[in-house]
């Protein structure tokens, strides 16, 4: 096994950061943070130091700067550190552990410390941490593979209309569902939409539709209305209310989990399993890096470039 490299790199799929504010309080300093996850800070100085190391030592980073594309590389640095913070919480809650020898073997199989640092584009001092995180995310993905299922009701929107894109229409419908979740089926019917009403099992989705398996469908909390594009190839916007998120394994029948042949998929499933923690703790992004994309579990350069939307459904129907 090798440390997952670009474009499948660890840093290419990780995500998070924090909003620069001038408020006061007992929490971490937002002025000095590249990101804040709950009450934990990703120090801005550490991120800047690592970014400078990339520019000094990695030709691909130097080329990205020359092409005015280095902002994306900077976001990846922050992303990796944020995922580490989220994973620390998940490890404590889920009892995750990685044998140090496995991490060492993973680094050696990637050409050693220096080679791995340049391949994944991180400081050498963080290579062992990143290797451990990769193994732990795969472990987390495997842990939920056969346990998780979600029950959705919604529809798919593909049509474009005058003055309204499919995304615009989907977002508007998502807000309506969030405002009246108990009458979702009736609302969709009145809109003339074909209703999607079914339960999705993660273990099945991993085999049949990896993009769906690693999307917010399996990461969003119960009571969330999603407006996302589960597949880049097929297009279309899924608008759906998550009615239930079951981690008991009952829907899958309790059989033995099948190991995905693609370890990147398993890794990405583990990453998606961090979403409930990210939503619970809250993630703030320093504006110099962008904004937190809740549905994408990533950092978007601007709010307009987020990959999707999540709306919290009202618990009771308004009279």
C-alpha atoms as a PDB file:
ATOM      1  CA  UNK A   1       0.000   0.000   0.000  1.00  0.00           C
ATOM      2  CA  UNK A   2       1.228   3.488  -0.821  1.00  0.00           C
ATOM      3  CA  UNK A   3       0.308   6.806   0.683  1.00  0.00           C
ATOM      4  CA  UNK A   4      -2.452   8.011  -1.575  1.00  0.00           C
ATOM      5  CA  UNK A   5      -0.910  10.548  -3.931  1.00  0.00           C
ATOM      6  CA  UNK A   6      -2.296  13.280  -6.142  1.00  0.00           C
ATOM      7  CA  UNK A   7      -4.677  13.596  -7.824  1.00  0.00           C
ATOM      8  CA  UNK A   8      -6.013  11.022  -5.378  1.00  0.00           C
ATOM      9  CA  UNK A   9      -3.915  12.533  -2.647  1.00  0.00           C
ATOM     10  CA  UNK A  10      -4.856  12.695   0.950  1.00  0.00           C
ATOM     11  CA  UNK A  11      -4.822  16.446   0.730  1.00  0.00           C
ATOM     12  CA  UNK A  12      -6.938  16.499  -2.449  1.00  0.00           C
ATOM     13  CA  UNK A  13      -9.983  15.189  -0.637  1.00  0.00           C
ATOM     14  CA  UNK A  14      -9.575  16.566   2.835  1.00  0.00           C
ATOM     15  CA  UNK A  15     -11.342  19.589   4.000  1.00  0.00           C
ATOM     16  CA  UNK A  16     -12.047  22.344   6.529  1.00  0.00           C
ATOM     17  CA  UNK A  17     -10.968  25.820   7.796  1.00  0.00           C
ATOM     18  CA  UNK A  18     -12.076  28.814   9.841  1.00  0.00           C
ATOM     19  CA  UNK A  19     -13.616  32.232   9.482  1.00  0.00           C
ATOM     20  CA  UNK A  20     -11.547  35.240  10.463  1.00  0.00           C
ATOM     21  CA  UNK A  21     -13.506  37.370  12.898  1.00  0.00           C
ATOM     22  CA  UNK A  22     -12.647  40.074  15.350  1.00  0.00           C
ATOM     23  CA  UNK A  23     -14.904  38.946  18.174  1.00  0.00           C
ATOM     24  CA  UNK A  24     -13.735  38.217  21.680  1.00  0.00           C
ATOM     25  CA  UNK A  25     -14.251  35.292  24.023  1.00  0.00           C
ATOM     26  CA  UNK A  26     -12.546  32.437  25.778  1.00  0.00           C
ATOM     27  CA  UNK A  27     -12.173  30.272  22.653  1.00  0.00           C
ATOM     28  CA  UNK A  28      -9.188  30.109  20.295  1.00  0.00           C
ATOM     29  CA  UNK A  29      -8.053  33.323  18.646  1.00  0.00           C
ATOM     30  CA  UNK A  30      -9.728  33.635  15.283  1.00  0.00           C
ATOM     31  CA  UNK A  31      -7.226  36.251  14.189  1.00  0.00           C
ATOM     32  CA  UNK A  32      -4.324  33.817  14.592  1.00  0.00           C
ATOM     33  CA  UNK A  33      -6.127  30.768  13.220  1.00  0.00           C
ATOM     34  CA  UNK A  34      -6.146  29.325   9.729  1.00  0.00           C
ATOM     35  CA  UNK A  35      -9.127  27.314  10.902  1.00  0.00           C
ATOM     36  CA  UNK A  36     -11.189  26.626  13.984  1.00  0.00           C
ATOM     37  CA  UNK A  37     -12.869  23.276  14.576  1.00  0.00           C
ATOM     38  CA  UNK A  38     -15.134  23.469  17.599  1.00  0.00           C
ATOM     39  CA  UNK A  39     -12.862  24.918  20.272  1.00  0.00           C
ATOM     40  CA  UNK A  40      -9.603  23.849  18.628  1.00  0.00           C
ATOM     41  CA  UNK A  41      -7.459  26.089  16.460  1.00  0.00           C
ATOM     42  CA  UNK A  42      -5.265  25.333  13.473  1.00  0.00           C
ATOM     43  CA  UNK A  43      -2.551  27.965  14.002  1.00  0.00           C
ATOM     44  CA  UNK A  44      -2.124  30.327  11.090  1.00  0.00           C
ATOM     45  CA  UNK A  45       1.623  30.498  11.636  1.00  0.00           C
ATOM     46  CA  UNK A  46       2.027  26.727  11.265  1.00  0.00           C
ATOM     47  CA  UNK A  47       0.055  26.717   8.041  1.00  0.00           C
ATOM     48  CA  UNK A  48       2.098  29.592   6.612  1.00  0.00           C
ATOM     49  CA  UNK A  49       5.314  27.798   7.564  1.00  0.00           C
ATOM     50  CA  UNK A  50       4.219  24.661   5.732  1.00  0.00           C
ATOM     51  CA  UNK A  51       3.136  26.643   2.689  1.00  0.00           C
ATOM     52  CA  UNK A  52       6.578  28.240   2.544  1.00  0.00           C
ATOM     53  CA  UNK A  53       8.194  24.806   2.802  1.00  0.00           C
ATOM     54  CA  UNK A  54       6.198  23.673  -0.226  1.00  0.00           C
ATOM     55  CA  UNK A  55       7.307  26.700  -2.229  1.00  0.00           C
ATOM     56  CA  UNK A  56      10.928  26.086  -1.264  1.00  0.00           C
ATOM     57  CA  UNK A  57      10.998  22.330  -1.861  1.00  0.00           C
ATOM     58  CA  UNK A  58       8.251  21.115  -4.193  1.00  0.00           C
ATOM     59  CA  UNK A  59       8.508  22.000  -7.903  1.00  0.00           C
ATOM     60  CA  UNK A  60       4.782  21.365  -8.453  1.00  0.00           C
ATOM     61  CA  UNK A  61       3.980  23.997  -5.821  1.00  0.00           C
ATOM     62  CA  UNK A  62       6.374  26.460  -7.411  1.00  0.00           C
ATOM     63  CA  UNK A  63       4.756  25.852 -10.792  1.00  0.00           C
ATOM     64  CA  UNK A  64       1.283  26.329  -9.308  1.00  0.00           C
ATOM     65  CA  UNK A  65       2.348  29.703  -7.950  1.00  0.00           C
ATOM     66  CA  UNK A  66       3.703  30.763 -11.333  1.00  0.00           C
ATOM     67  CA  UNK A  67       0.384  29.772 -12.902  1.00  0.00           C
ATOM     68  CA  UNK A  68      -1.578  31.666 -10.221  1.00  0.00           C
ATOM     69  CA  UNK A  69      -3.100  28.425  -8.955  1.00  0.00           C
ATOM     70  CA  UNK A  70      -1.355  28.189  -5.605  1.00  0.00           C
ATOM     71  CA  UNK A  71      -4.426  29.233  -3.620  1.00  0.00           C
ATOM     72  CA  UNK A  72      -5.733  25.726  -4.155  1.00  0.00           C
ATOM     73  CA  UNK A  73      -2.519  24.258  -2.737  1.00  0.00           C
ATOM     74  CA  UNK A  74      -2.824  26.482   0.328  1.00  0.00           C
ATOM     75  CA  UNK A  75      -6.362  25.271   0.932  1.00  0.00           C
ATOM     76  CA  UNK A  76      -5.147  21.679   0.817  1.00  0.00           C
ATOM     77  CA  UNK A  77      -2.641  22.392   3.570  1.00  0.00           C
ATOM     78  CA  UNK A  78      -5.439  23.675   5.794  1.00  0.00           C
ATOM     79  CA  UNK A  79      -7.706  20.811   4.791  1.00  0.00           C
ATOM     80  CA  UNK A  80      -5.269  18.176   5.938  1.00  0.00           C
ATOM     81  CA  UNK A  81      -4.864  19.770   9.350  1.00  0.00           C
ATOM     82  CA  UNK A  82      -8.616  20.159   9.824  1.00  0.00           C
ATOM     83  CA  UNK A  83      -9.320  16.556   8.982  1.00  0.00           C
ATOM     84  CA  UNK A  84      -6.690  15.590  11.527  1.00  0.00           C
ATOM     85  CA  UNK A  85      -8.620  17.500  14.199  1.00  0.00           C
ATOM     86  CA  UNK A  86     -11.910  15.889  13.206  1.00  0.00           C
ATOM     87  CA  UNK A  87     -10.312  12.469  13.097  1.00  0.00           C
ATOM     88  CA  UNK A  88      -8.929  12.889  16.615  1.00  0.00           C
ATOM     89  CA  UNK A  89     -12.523  13.248  17.835  1.00  0.00           C
ATOM     90  CA  UNK A  90     -13.683  10.277  15.768  1.00  0.00           C
ATOM     91  CA  UNK A  91     -10.824   8.119  17.035  1.00  0.00           C
ATOM     92  CA  UNK A  92     -11.775   8.805  20.631  1.00  0.00           C
ATOM     93  CA  UNK A  93     -15.456   8.106  20.051  1.00  0.00           C
ATOM     94  CA  UNK A  94     -14.998   5.057  17.842  1.00  0.00           C
ATOM     95  CA  UNK A  95     -11.948   3.530  19.510  1.00  0.00           C
ATOM     96  CA  UNK A  96      -9.786   3.754  16.375  1.00  0.00           C
ATOM     97  CA  UNK A  97      -6.135   2.750  16.615  1.00  0.00           C
ATOM     98  CA  UNK A  98      -3.331   2.367  14.121  1.00  0.00           C
ATOM     99  CA  UNK A  99      -0.246   0.243  14.701  1.00  0.00           C
ATOM    100  CA  UNK A 100       2.809   2.487  14.452  1.00  0.00           C
ATOM    101  CA  UNK A 101       4.523  -0.177  12.369  1.00  0.00           C
ATOM    102  CA  UNK A 102       1.781   0.058   9.758  1.00  0.00           C
ATOM    103  CA  UNK A 103       2.305   3.793   9.400  1.00  0.00           C
ATOM    104  CA  UNK A 104       6.068   3.303   9.125  1.00  0.00           C
ATOM    105  CA  UNK A 105       5.630   0.601   6.500  1.00  0.00           C
ATOM    106  CA  UNK A 106       3.273   2.852   4.550  1.00  0.00           C
ATOM    107  CA  UNK A 107       5.865   5.641   4.523  1.00  0.00           C
ATOM    108  CA  UNK A 108       8.637   3.288   3.464  1.00  0.00           C
ATOM    109  CA  UNK A 109       6.492   1.855   0.666  1.00  0.00           C
ATOM    110  CA  UNK A 110       6.082   5.446  -0.564  1.00  0.00           C
ATOM    111  CA  UNK A 111       9.822   5.938  -0.898  1.00  0.00           C
ATOM    112  CA  UNK A 112      10.652   7.140   2.592  1.00  0.00           C
ATOM    113  CA  UNK A 113      10.052  10.341   4.508  1.00  0.00           C
ATOM    114  CA  UNK A 114      11.367  12.909   2.024  1.00  0.00           C
ATOM    115  CA  UNK A 115       9.830  11.277  -1.033  1.00  0.00           C
ATOM    116  CA  UNK A 116       6.457  10.943   0.670  1.00  0.00           C
ATOM    117  CA  UNK A 117       6.557  14.573   1.824  1.00  0.00           C
ATOM    118  CA  UNK A 118       7.094  15.836  -1.714  1.00  0.00           C
ATOM    119  CA  UNK A 119       4.578  13.412  -3.237  1.00  0.00           C
ATOM    120  CA  UNK A 120       1.757  14.310  -0.856  1.00  0.00           C
ATOM    121  CA  UNK A 121       3.008  17.917  -0.524  1.00  0.00           C
ATOM    122  CA  UNK A 122       3.356  18.231   3.233  1.00  0.00           C
ATOM    123  CA  UNK A 123       6.235  19.019   5.539  1.00  0.00           C
ATOM    124  CA  UNK A 124       8.401  15.979   6.413  1.00  0.00           C
ATOM    125  CA  UNK A 125       7.557  16.501  10.090  1.00  0.00           C
ATOM    126  CA  UNK A 126       3.904  15.736   9.319  1.00  0.00           C
ATOM    127  CA  UNK A 127       4.359  12.675   7.114  1.00  0.00           C
ATOM    128  CA  UNK A 128       3.900  10.165   9.930  1.00  0.00           C
ATOM    129  CA  UNK A 129       0.768  11.990  11.103  1.00  0.00           C
ATOM    130  CA  UNK A 130      -0.709  11.984   7.609  1.00  0.00           C
ATOM    131  CA  UNK A 131       0.111   8.307   7.074  1.00  0.00           C
ATOM    132  CA  UNK A 132      -1.566   7.460  10.381  1.00  0.00           C
ATOM    133  CA  UNK A 133      -4.588   9.558   9.447  1.00  0.00           C
ATOM    134  CA  UNK A 134      -4.892   7.767   6.106  1.00  0.00           C
ATOM    135  CA  UNK A 135      -4.895   4.353   7.743  1.00  0.00           C
ATOM    136  CA  UNK A 136      -7.325   5.518  10.403  1.00  0.00           C
ATOM    137  CA  UNK A 137      -9.748   6.935   7.833  1.00  0.00           C
ATOM    138  CA  UNK A 138      -9.737   3.629   5.995  1.00  0.00           C
ATOM    139  CA  UNK A 139     -10.423   1.928   9.302  1.00  0.00           C
ATOM    140  CA  UNK A 140     -13.294   4.330  10.012  1.00  0.00           C
ATOM    141  CA  UNK A 141     -14.762   3.722   6.573  1.00  0.00           C
ATOM    142  CA  UNK A 142     -14.607  -0.015   7.069  1.00  0.00           C
ATOM    143  CA  UNK A 143     -16.244   0.294  10.474  1.00  0.00           C
ATOM    144  CA  UNK A 144     -19.325   1.999   9.043  1.00  0.00           C
ATOM    145  CA  UNK A 145     -19.441   0.127   5.753  1.00  0.00           C
ATOM    146  CA  UNK A 146     -21.919  -2.505   6.867  1.00  0.00           C
ATOM    147  CA  UNK A 147     -23.571  -0.482   9.641  1.00  0.00           C
ATOM    148  CA  UNK A 148     -24.907   2.580   7.902  1.00  0.00           C
ATOM    149  CA  UNK A 149     -28.082   3.175   5.932  1.00  0.00           C
ATOM    150  CA  UNK A 150     -30.130   6.305   5.264  1.00  0.00           C
ATOM    151  CA  UNK A 151     -33.790   6.839   4.433  1.00  0.00           C
ATOM    152  CA  UNK A 152     -34.504   9.654   1.970  1.00  0.00           C
ATOM    153  CA  UNK A 153     -37.471  11.266   0.307  1.00  0.00           C
ATOM    154  CA  UNK A 154     -36.881  13.717  -2.505  1.00  0.00           C
ATOM    155  CA  UNK A 155     -36.429  14.107  -6.230  1.00  0.00           C
ATOM    156  CA  UNK A 156     -33.850  14.835  -8.913  1.00  0.00           C
ATOM    157  CA  UNK A 157     -33.857  18.070 -10.908  1.00  0.00           C
ATOM    158  CA  UNK A 158     -32.127  18.268 -14.265  1.00  0.00           C
ATOM    159  CA  UNK A 159     -34.082  20.808 -16.308  1.00  0.00           C
ATOM    160  CA  UNK A 160     -32.924  24.352 -16.929  1.00  0.00           C
ATOM    161  CA  UNK A 161     -35.499  27.115 -17.246  1.00  0.00           C
ATOM    162  CA  UNK A 162     -35.577  30.759 -18.337  1.00  0.00           C
ATOM    163  CA  UNK A 163     -33.838  32.774 -15.655  1.00  0.00           C
ATOM    164  CA  UNK A 164     -33.391  29.726 -13.402  1.00  0.00           C
ATOM    165  CA  UNK A 165     -30.731  27.045 -13.572  1.00  0.00           C
ATOM    166  CA  UNK A 166     -31.283  23.512 -12.289  1.00  0.00           C
ATOM    167  CA  UNK A 167     -29.246  24.515  -9.261  1.00  0.00           C
ATOM    168  CA  UNK A 168     -31.487  27.516  -8.593  1.00  0.00           C
ATOM    169  CA  UNK A 169     -34.626  25.385  -8.863  1.00  0.00           C
ATOM    170  CA  UNK A 170     -33.154  22.680  -6.646  1.00  0.00           C
ATOM    171  CA  UNK A 171     -32.104  25.158  -3.975  1.00  0.00           C
ATOM    172  CA  UNK A 172     -35.557  26.754  -3.908  1.00  0.00           C
ATOM    173  CA  UNK A 173     -37.211  23.348  -3.591  1.00  0.00           C
ATOM    174  CA  UNK A 174     -34.788  22.403  -0.841  1.00  0.00           C
ATOM    175  CA  UNK A 175     -35.849  25.406   1.208  1.00  0.00           C
ATOM    176  CA  UNK A 176     -39.509  24.444   0.759  1.00  0.00           C
ATOM    177  CA  UNK A 177     -38.838  20.907   1.968  1.00  0.00           C
ATOM    178  CA  UNK A 178     -36.944  22.225   4.985  1.00  0.00           C
ATOM    179  CA  UNK A 179     -39.850  24.522   5.863  1.00  0.00           C
ATOM    180  CA  UNK A 180     -42.427  21.708   5.746  1.00  0.00           C
ATOM    181  CA  UNK A 181     -40.671  18.327   6.046  1.00  0.00           C
ATOM    182  CA  UNK A 182     -43.709  16.413   7.353  1.00  0.00           C
ATOM    183  CA  UNK A 183     -45.532  17.029   4.077  1.00  0.00           C
ATOM    184  CA  UNK A 184     -42.582  16.283   1.802  1.00  0.00           C
ATOM    185  CA  UNK A 185     -44.391  13.764  -0.407  1.00  0.00           C
ATOM    186  CA  UNK A 186     -47.375  16.066  -0.893  1.00  0.00           C
ATOM    187  CA  UNK A 187     -45.128  19.039  -1.634  1.00  0.00           C
ATOM    188  CA  UNK A 188     -43.169  17.101  -4.258  1.00  0.00           C
ATOM    189  CA  UNK A 189     -46.420  15.936  -5.816  1.00  0.00           C
ATOM    190  CA  UNK A 190     -47.745  19.464  -6.089  1.00  0.00           C
ATOM    191  CA  UNK A 191     -44.483  20.459  -7.764  1.00  0.00           C
ATOM    192  CA  UNK A 192     -45.052  17.727 -10.338  1.00  0.00           C
ATOM    193  CA  UNK A 193     -41.867  15.931  -9.334  1.00  0.00           C
ATOM    194  CA  UNK A 194     -41.156  12.223  -9.507  1.00  0.00           C
ATOM    195  CA  UNK A 195     -40.745  11.163  -5.887  1.00  0.00           C
ATOM    196  CA  UNK A 196     -37.670   9.258  -4.744  1.00  0.00           C
ATOM    197  CA  UNK A 197     -38.586   7.445  -1.530  1.00  0.00           C
ATOM    198  CA  UNK A 198     -36.157   4.736  -0.474  1.00  0.00           C
ATOM    199  CA  UNK A 199     -33.478   3.553   1.908  1.00  0.00           C
ATOM    200  CA  UNK A 200     -29.854   3.473   0.764  1.00  0.00           C
ATOM    201  CA  UNK A 201     -27.373   1.027   2.299  1.00  0.00           C
ATOM    202  CA  UNK A 202     -23.762   2.161   2.368  1.00  0.00           C
ATOM    203  CA  UNK A 203     -22.278  -1.279   1.658  1.00  0.00           C
ATOM    204  CA  UNK A 204     -24.408  -1.563  -1.480  1.00  0.00           C
ATOM    205  CA  UNK A 205     -23.712   1.986  -2.622  1.00  0.00           C
ATOM    206  CA  UNK A 206     -19.950   1.473  -2.337  1.00  0.00           C
ATOM    207  CA  UNK A 207     -20.187  -1.320  -4.880  1.00  0.00           C
ATOM    208  CA  UNK A 208     -22.762   0.180  -7.242  1.00  0.00           C
ATOM    209  CA  UNK A 209     -22.204   3.946  -6.954  1.00  0.00           C
ATOM    210  CA  UNK A 210     -19.005   5.060  -5.170  1.00  0.00           C
ATOM    211  CA  UNK A 211     -19.793   8.733  -5.786  1.00  0.00           C
ATOM    212  CA  UNK A 212     -23.102   8.366  -3.958  1.00  0.00           C
ATOM    213  CA  UNK A 213     -21.437   6.384  -1.163  1.00  0.00           C
ATOM    214  CA  UNK A 214     -18.952   9.165  -0.502  1.00  0.00           C
ATOM    215  CA  UNK A 215     -21.463  12.023  -0.809  1.00  0.00           C
ATOM    216  CA  UNK A 216     -23.393  13.958   1.819  1.00  0.00           C
ATOM    217  CA  UNK A 217     -26.214  11.411   1.449  1.00  0.00           C
ATOM    218  CA  UNK A 218     -24.358   9.247   3.967  1.00  0.00           C
ATOM    219  CA  UNK A 219     -22.804  12.080   5.956  1.00  0.00           C
ATOM    220  CA  UNK A 220     -25.692  14.437   6.691  1.00  0.00           C
ATOM    221  CA  UNK A 221     -27.561  14.165   9.954  1.00  0.00           C
ATOM    222  CA  UNK A 222     -31.195  13.113  10.251  1.00  0.00           C
ATOM    223  CA  UNK A 223     -33.498  16.073   9.597  1.00  0.00           C
ATOM    224  CA  UNK A 224     -31.241  17.618   6.960  1.00  0.00           C
ATOM    225  CA  UNK A 225     -32.419  18.618   3.499  1.00  0.00           C
ATOM    226  CA  UNK A 226     -29.692  18.044   0.925  1.00  0.00           C
ATOM    227  CA  UNK A 227     -29.243  19.852  -2.371  1.00  0.00           C
ATOM    228  CA  UNK A 228     -26.287  18.146  -4.021  1.00  0.00           C
ATOM    229  CA  UNK A 229     -24.951  16.597  -7.216  1.00  0.00           C
ATOM    230  CA  UNK A 230     -24.162  12.982  -6.279  1.00  0.00           C
ATOM    231  CA  UNK A 231     -22.615  12.245  -9.684  1.00  0.00           C
ATOM    232  CA  UNK A 232     -20.483  14.552 -11.774  1.00  0.00           C
ATOM    233  CA  UNK A 233     -20.931  12.301 -14.813  1.00  0.00           C
ATOM    234  CA  UNK A 234     -24.728  12.058 -14.745  1.00  0.00           C
ATOM    235  CA  UNK A 235     -25.410  15.610 -13.617  1.00  0.00           C
ATOM    236  CA  UNK A 236     -28.661  16.663 -12.032  1.00  0.00           C
ATOM    237  CA  UNK A 237     -29.353  17.906  -8.524  1.00  0.00           C
ATOM    238  CA  UNK A 238     -30.654  15.642  -5.790  1.00  0.00           C
ATOM    239  CA  UNK A 239     -33.053  17.410  -3.423  1.00  0.00           C
ATOM    240  CA  UNK A 240     -33.830  15.127  -0.501  1.00  0.00           C
ATOM    241  CA  UNK A 241     -34.831  15.079   3.144  1.00  0.00           C
ATOM    242  CA  UNK A 242     -32.822  12.682   5.322  1.00  0.00           C
ATOM    243  CA  UNK A 243     -35.613  11.108   7.358  1.00  0.00           C
ATOM    244  CA  UNK A 244     -33.420   8.559   9.129  1.00  0.00           C
ATOM    245  CA  UNK A 245     -29.712   7.795   9.494  1.00  0.00           C
ATOM    246  CA  UNK A 246     -29.313   4.314  10.958  1.00  0.00           C
ATOM    247  CA  UNK A 247     -25.930   3.047  12.168  1.00  0.00           C
ATOM    248  CA  UNK A 248     -27.232  -0.198  13.704  1.00  0.00           C
ATOM    249  CA  UNK A 249     -26.598  -2.321  10.621  1.00  0.00           C
ATOM    250  CA  UNK A 250     -30.182  -3.595  10.620  1.00  0.00           C
ATOM    251  CA  UNK A 251     -30.901  -2.578   7.020  1.00  0.00           C
ATOM    252  CA  UNK A 252     -27.916  -4.503   5.653  1.00  0.00           C
ATOM    253  CA  UNK A 253     -28.858  -7.729   7.356  1.00  0.00           C
ATOM    254  CA  UNK A 254     -25.759  -7.830   9.524  1.00  0.00           C
ATOM    255  CA  UNK A 255     -23.659  -9.747   7.010  1.00  0.00           C
ATOM    256  CA  UNK A 256     -19.901  -9.544   6.675  1.00  0.00           C
ATOM    257  CA  UNK A 257     -18.742  -6.319   5.097  1.00  0.00           C
ATOM    258  CA  UNK A 258     -17.238  -6.619   1.636  1.00  0.00           C
ATOM    259  CA  UNK A 259     -13.922  -4.850   1.312  1.00  0.00           C
ATOM    260  CA  UNK A 260     -13.946  -2.390  -1.600  1.00  0.00           C
ATOM    261  CA  UNK A 261     -11.305  -3.207  -4.188  1.00  0.00           C
ATOM    262  CA  UNK A 262     -10.462   0.507  -4.409  1.00  0.00           C
ATOM    263  CA  UNK A 263      -8.850   1.634  -1.159  1.00  0.00           C
ATOM    264  CA  UNK A 264      -9.384   5.256  -2.131  1.00  0.00           C
ATOM    265  CA  UNK A 265     -13.146   4.656  -1.976  1.00  0.00           C
ATOM    266  CA  UNK A 266     -12.828   3.209   1.517  1.00  0.00           C
ATOM    267  CA  UNK A 267     -10.675   6.161   2.525  1.00  0.00           C
ATOM    268  CA  UNK A 268     -13.251   8.592   1.104  1.00  0.00           C
ATOM    269  CA  UNK A 269     -16.044   6.814   2.973  1.00  0.00           C
ATOM    270  CA  UNK A 270     -14.059   7.302   6.175  1.00  0.00           C
ATOM    271  CA  UNK A 271     -13.659  10.967   5.369  1.00  0.00           C
ATOM    272  CA  UNK A 272     -17.397  11.319   4.825  1.00  0.00           C
ATOM    273  CA  UNK A 273     -18.026   9.686   8.212  1.00  0.00           C
ATOM    274  CA  UNK A 274     -16.384  12.763   9.744  1.00  0.00           C
ATOM    275  CA  UNK A 275     -19.189  14.999   8.461  1.00  0.00           C
ATOM    276  CA  UNK A 276     -21.509  14.540  11.464  1.00  0.00           C
ATOM    277  CA  UNK A 277     -18.635  15.588  13.727  1.00  0.00           C
ATOM    278  CA  UNK A 278     -17.859  18.589  11.517  1.00  0.00           C
ATOM    279  CA  UNK A 279     -21.513  19.636  11.550  1.00  0.00           C
ATOM    280  CA  UNK A 280     -21.730  19.137  15.318  1.00  0.00           C
ATOM    281  CA  UNK A 281     -18.571  21.048  16.233  1.00  0.00           C
ATOM    282  CA  UNK A 282     -18.773  23.707  13.554  1.00  0.00           C
ATOM    283  CA  UNK A 283     -15.953  24.718  11.230  1.00  0.00           C
ATOM    284  CA  UNK A 284     -14.938  28.301  10.553  1.00  0.00           C
ATOM    285  CA  UNK A 285     -12.645  29.247   7.697  1.00  0.00           C
ATOM    286  CA  UNK A 286     -10.225  32.128   7.549  1.00  0.00           C
ATOM    287  CA  UNK A 287     -11.384  34.172   4.518  1.00  0.00           C
ATOM    288  CA  UNK A 288      -7.901  34.128   3.026  1.00  0.00           C
ATOM    289  CA  UNK A 289      -8.492  30.420   2.287  1.00  0.00           C
ATOM    290  CA  UNK A 290     -12.175  30.519   1.366  1.00  0.00           C
ATOM    291  CA  UNK A 291     -15.389  29.254   2.944  1.00  0.00           C
ATOM    292  CA  UNK A 292     -16.428  25.935   4.439  1.00  0.00           C
ATOM    293  CA  UNK A 293     -18.420  23.791   2.012  1.00  0.00           C
ATOM    294  CA  UNK A 294     -20.618  21.783   4.365  1.00  0.00           C
ATOM    295  CA  UNK A 295     -22.023  19.448   1.718  1.00  0.00           C
ATOM    296  CA  UNK A 296     -18.686  18.876   0.018  1.00  0.00           C
ATOM    297  CA  UNK A 297     -16.582  18.500   3.170  1.00  0.00           C
ATOM    298  CA  UNK A 298     -14.072  20.810   1.568  1.00  0.00           C
ATOM    299  CA  UNK A 299     -13.030  24.442   1.325  1.00  0.00           C
ATOM    300  CA  UNK A 300     -14.557  26.428  -1.517  1.00  0.00           C
ATOM    301  CA  UNK A 301     -12.806  29.581  -2.753  1.00  0.00           C
ATOM    302  CA  UNK A 302     -16.082  31.513  -2.429  1.00  0.00           C
ATOM    303  CA  UNK A 303     -19.607  30.845  -1.201  1.00  0.00           C
ATOM    304  CA  UNK A 304     -20.793  30.811  -4.826  1.00  0.00           C
ATOM    305  CA  UNK A 305     -18.477  27.883  -5.559  1.00  0.00           C
ATOM    306  CA  UNK A 306     -19.768  25.486  -2.926  1.00  0.00           C
ATOM    307  CA  UNK A 307     -20.602  22.028  -4.264  1.00  0.00           C
ATOM    308  CA  UNK A 308     -23.999  21.809  -2.565  1.00  0.00           C
ATOM    309  CA  UNK A 309     -26.270  23.001   0.207  1.00  0.00           C
ATOM    310  CA  UNK A 310     -27.739  21.694   3.443  1.00  0.00           C
ATOM    311  CA  UNK A 311     -30.823  23.069   5.168  1.00  0.00           C
ATOM    312  CA  UNK A 312     -31.998  22.090   8.629  1.00  0.00           C
ATOM    313  CA  UNK A 313     -35.606  20.942   8.470  1.00  0.00           C
ATOM    314  CA  UNK A 314     -38.165  22.339  10.872  1.00  0.00           C
ATOM    315  CA  UNK A 315     -39.071  19.779  13.520  1.00  0.00           C
ATOM    316  CA  UNK A 316     -42.754  20.726  13.627  1.00  0.00           C
ATOM    317  CA  UNK A 317     -45.080  21.838  10.886  1.00  0.00           C
ATOM    318  CA  UNK A 318     -46.198  25.429  11.211  1.00  0.00           C
ATOM    319  CA  UNK A 319     -50.023  25.825  11.458  1.00  0.00           C
END
